Each structure stands twice: as C-alpha cells, then as structure tokens.
C-alpha atoms as a PDB file:
ATOM      1  CA  VAL A   1       0.000   0.000   0.000  1.00  0.00           C
ATOM      2  CA  GLN A   2       1.267   3.451  -0.918  1.00  0.00           C
ATOM      3  CA  LEU A   3      -0.065   6.625   0.630  1.00  0.00           C
ATOM      4  CA  GLN A   4       0.060  10.111  -0.873  1.00  0.00           C
ATOM      5  CA  ALA A   5      -0.792  13.022   1.389  1.00  0.00           C
ATOM      6  CA  SER A   6      -1.566  16.535   0.222  1.00  0.00           C
ATOM      7  CA  GLY A   7      -3.269  19.727   1.277  1.00  0.00           C
ATOM      8  CA  GLY A   8      -0.878  21.285   3.744  1.00  0.00           C
ATOM      9  CA  GLY A   9       0.057  24.942   3.743  1.00  0.00           C
ATOM     10  CA  LEU A  10       0.204  28.196   5.637  1.00  0.00           C
ATOM     11  CA  VAL A  11      -2.962  29.426   7.317  1.00  0.00           C
ATOM     12  CA  GLN A  12      -3.785  32.121   9.857  1.00  0.00           C
ATOM     13  CA  PRO A  13      -5.026  31.219  13.334  1.00  0.00           C
ATOM     14  CA  GLY A  14      -8.714  30.446  13.199  1.00  0.00           C
ATOM     15  CA  GLY A  15      -8.475  29.330   9.608  1.00  0.00           C
ATOM     16  CA  SER A  16      -9.171  25.975   7.974  1.00  0.00           C
ATOM     17  CA  LEU A  17      -7.358  23.426   5.854  1.00  0.00           C
ATOM     18  CA  ARG A  18      -8.291  20.054   4.448  1.00  0.00           C
ATOM     19  CA  LEU A  19      -5.717  17.321   4.107  1.00  0.00           C
ATOM     20  CA  SER A  20      -6.150  14.390   1.744  1.00  0.00           C
ATOM     21  CA  CYS A  21      -4.509  10.981   1.752  1.00  0.00           C
ATOM     22  CA  ALA A  22      -4.925   8.794  -1.308  1.00  0.00           C
ATOM     23  CA  ALA A  23      -4.147   5.101  -0.992  1.00  0.00           C
ATOM     24  CA  SER A  24      -3.031   2.876  -3.834  1.00  0.00           C
ATOM     25  CA  GLY A  25      -1.764  -0.652  -4.260  1.00  0.00           C
ATOM     26  CA  SER A  26      -3.239  -3.486  -2.178  1.00  0.00           C
ATOM     27  CA  ILE A  27      -6.240  -1.490  -0.990  1.00  0.00           C
ATOM     28  CA  PHE A  28      -8.044  -4.624   0.190  1.00  0.00           C
ATOM     29  CA  MET A  29      -5.454  -4.939   2.973  1.00  0.00           C
ATOM     30  CA  ILE A  30      -6.516  -1.698   4.655  1.00  0.00           C
ATOM     31  CA  LYS A  31      -8.496  -1.995   7.923  1.00  0.00           C
ATOM     32  CA  GLY A  32      -8.340   1.670   8.752  1.00  0.00           C
ATOM     33  CA  MET A  33      -6.401   4.862   8.225  1.00  0.00           C
ATOM     34  CA  GLY A  34      -5.277   7.762  10.293  1.00  0.00           C
ATOM     35  CA  TRP A  35      -3.478  11.033  10.599  1.00  0.00           C
ATOM     36  CA  TYR A  36      -0.537  11.723  12.863  1.00  0.00           C
ATOM     37  CA  ARG A  37       1.561  14.820  13.318  1.00  0.00           C
ATOM     38  CA  GLN A  38       5.017  15.736  14.489  1.00  0.00           C
ATOM     39  CA  ALA A  39       5.991  19.198  15.635  1.00  0.00           C
ATOM     40  CA  PRO A  40       9.646  20.285  15.819  1.00  0.00           C
ATOM     41  CA  GLY A  41      11.345  18.743  18.827  1.00  0.00           C
ATOM     42  CA  LYS A  42       8.329  16.603  19.700  1.00  0.00           C
ATOM     43  CA  GLN A  43       7.333  12.999  19.193  1.00  0.00           C
ATOM     44  CA  ARG A  44       4.886  11.979  16.519  1.00  0.00           C
ATOM     45  CA  GLU A  45       1.367  11.895  17.933  1.00  0.00           C
ATOM     46  CA  LEU A  46      -2.000  10.571  16.860  1.00  0.00           C
ATOM     47  CA  VAL A  47      -4.446  13.114  15.502  1.00  0.00           C
ATOM     48  CA  ALA A  48      -7.366  11.028  14.263  1.00  0.00           C
ATOM     49  CA  THR A  49      -8.171   7.572  12.943  1.00  0.00           C
ATOM     50  CA  ILE A  50     -11.042   6.025  11.034  1.00  0.00           C
ATOM     51  CA  THR A  51     -11.881   2.369  10.430  1.00  0.00           C
ATOM     52  CA  ASN A  52     -13.389   0.887   7.299  1.00  0.00           C
ATOM     53  CA  GLY A  53     -16.639   0.745   9.221  1.00  0.00           C
ATOM     54  CA  GLY A  54     -16.503   4.475   9.857  1.00  0.00           C
ATOM     55  CA  SER A  55     -15.597   4.459  13.541  1.00  0.00           C
ATOM     56  CA  THR A  56     -13.473   7.455  14.432  1.00  0.00           C
ATOM     57  CA  ASN A  57     -11.081   8.389  17.186  1.00  0.00           C
ATOM     58  CA  TYR A  58      -9.577  11.801  17.934  1.00  0.00           C
ATOM     59  CA  ALA A  59      -6.867  13.234  20.101  1.00  0.00           C
ATOM     60  CA  ASP A  60      -8.352  15.379  22.853  1.00  0.00           C
ATOM     61  CA  SER A  61      -6.492  18.403  21.517  1.00  0.00           C
ATOM     62  CA  VAL A  62      -8.395  18.347  18.217  1.00  0.00           C
ATOM     63  CA  LYS A  63     -11.847  17.139  19.249  1.00  0.00           C
ATOM     64  CA  GLY A  64     -14.535  19.490  18.029  1.00  0.00           C
ATOM     65  CA  ARG A  65     -12.173  21.166  15.562  1.00  0.00           C
ATOM     66  CA  PHE A  66     -10.950  18.379  13.275  1.00  0.00           C
ATOM     67  CA  THR A  67     -13.013  15.839  11.356  1.00  0.00           C
ATOM     68  CA  ILE A  68     -11.683  12.707   9.697  1.00  0.00           C
ATOM     69  CA  SER A  69     -13.665  11.136   6.892  1.00  0.00           C
ATOM     70  CA  ARG A  70     -13.203   8.634   4.089  1.00  0.00           C
ATOM     71  CA  ASP A  71     -14.323   8.193   0.501  1.00  0.00           C
ATOM     72  CA  GLY A  72     -14.190   4.482  -0.225  1.00  0.00           C
ATOM     73  CA  ALA A  73     -14.734   4.949  -3.942  1.00  0.00           C
ATOM     74  CA  LYS A  74     -11.668   7.177  -4.163  1.00  0.00           C
ATOM     75  CA  ASN A  75      -9.619   5.250  -1.564  1.00  0.00           C
ATOM     76  CA  THR A  76      -9.026   8.579   0.104  1.00  0.00           C
ATOM     77  CA  VAL A  77      -9.136   9.790   3.680  1.00  0.00           C
ATOM     78  CA  TYR A  78      -9.590  13.437   4.558  1.00  0.00           C
ATOM     79  CA  LEU A  79      -8.806  15.534   7.592  1.00  0.00           C
ATOM     80  CA  GLN A  80     -10.855  18.706   7.790  1.00  0.00           C
ATOM     81  CA  MET A  81      -9.134  21.071  10.196  1.00  0.00           C
ATOM     82  CA  ASN A  82     -11.068  24.086  11.475  1.00  0.00           C
ATOM     83  CA  SER A  83     -10.297  26.734  14.077  1.00  0.00           C
ATOM     84  CA  LEU A  84      -6.613  26.093  13.615  1.00  0.00           C
ATOM     85  CA  LYS A  85      -4.218  27.170  16.339  1.00  0.00           C
ATOM     86  CA  PRO A  86      -0.478  27.866  16.220  1.00  0.00           C
ATOM     87  CA  GLU A  87       0.057  24.706  18.260  1.00  0.00           C
ATOM     88  CA  ASP A  88      -1.391  22.696  15.369  1.00  0.00           C
ATOM     89  CA  THR A  89       1.722  23.555  13.377  1.00  0.00           C
ATOM     90  CA  ALA A  90       3.440  20.301  12.463  1.00  0.00           C
ATOM     91  CA  VAL A  91       4.203  17.884   9.689  1.00  0.00           C
ATOM     92  CA  TYR A  92       1.115  15.743   9.215  1.00  0.00           C
ATOM     93  CA  TYR A  93       1.493  12.107   8.194  1.00  0.00           C
ATOM     94  CA  CYS A  94      -1.012   9.653   6.816  1.00  0.00           C
ATOM     95  CA  ASN A  95      -0.924   6.073   8.075  1.00  0.00           C
ATOM     96  CA  ALA A  96      -2.704   2.850   7.150  1.00  0.00           C
ATOM     97  CA  ASP A  97      -3.552  -0.093   9.378  1.00  0.00           C
ATOM     98  CA  LEU A  98      -3.230  -3.264   7.318  1.00  0.00           C
ATOM     99  CA  LEU A  99      -4.567  -6.771   7.824  1.00  0.00           C
ATOM    100  CA  ASN A 100      -1.017  -8.150   7.984  1.00  0.00           C
ATOM    101  CA  GLY A 101      -0.056  -5.879  10.886  1.00  0.00           C
ATOM    102  CA  ILE A 102       2.077  -3.547   8.809  1.00  0.00           C
ATOM    103  CA  ASN A 103       1.466   0.193   9.110  1.00  0.00           C
ATOM    104  CA  PRO A 104       2.846   2.058   6.100  1.00  0.00           C
ATOM    105  CA  TRP A 105       3.386   5.801   6.252  1.00  0.00           C
ATOM    106  CA  GLY A 106       2.965   8.423   3.590  1.00  0.00           C
ATOM    107  CA  LYS A 107       5.285  11.379   3.148  1.00  0.00           C
ATOM    108  CA  GLY A 108       4.348  14.207   5.429  1.00  0.00           C
ATOM    109  CA  THR A 109       2.679  17.447   4.525  1.00  0.00           C
ATOM    110  CA  GLN A 110       3.566  20.646   6.367  1.00  0.00           C
ATOM    111  CA  VAL A 111       0.847  22.609   8.149  1.00  0.00           C
ATOM    112  CA  THR A 112       1.852  26.005   9.499  1.00  0.00           C
ATOM    113  CA  VAL A 113      -0.550  28.133  11.510  1.00  0.00           C
ATOM    114  CA  SER A 114       0.774  31.639  11.870  1.00  0.00           C
ATOM    115  CA  SER A 115      -0.260  35.234  11.470  1.00  0.00           C
END
C-alpha cells in the first residue's frame, strides 16, 4: 500500500485546511487509516483515525475542531481542520492499518498556523 498526502500549507489562526490521503496498491489490505503529526522537537502523535466501518477516534487536543472522513470509492481519507491554532503547526502524516499488521506511512505534509 502506498499513501500520498496533500493539502498542507500556511494558514492564519482560526483558519481551515483540508488534508487528503490517497491510498493505492493493495487497498483490500486496509483496515483503517489515520493522521498523525510531528511538531519540531516533539514525538509523533496521533491526531485522528477512522476504520473501514466508519468508527473514528480523535486526540483530545483536536476534538470538536478536526473531522476525519473517508471516501471508499476514491480510496481517500480526509482531515478537515477548522479553528486552527499555532500549536497545530506540524508535519502531518497519513498512516494505514493493514490486515497483515504492517502500518505504512505516507510522506508528510507541512501545516503552518501563523499570522
């Protein structure tokens, strides 16, 4: 499975961005997908995950502001980010949870929240 993330950029505090992660390859192996982020000097952390059945999970820091969704027909997962804060600045990574226990990562996309 290969993952291609896009949609990052520079946005002012309070603004919105939508990230996309397109999966290709052995799509049938995917049980779920998620977004993680890593800020400078910090460990990578979970942002949100979604299963094939549509169950979602969010980090407390983004609940009520971020929404993860999936389009099965396009093999794509989205992360809608609203009310962005400077502390949301990070490189965001897409991840897949596969049936064989492997968790491939996509290349990150930079999100910068600054005035």
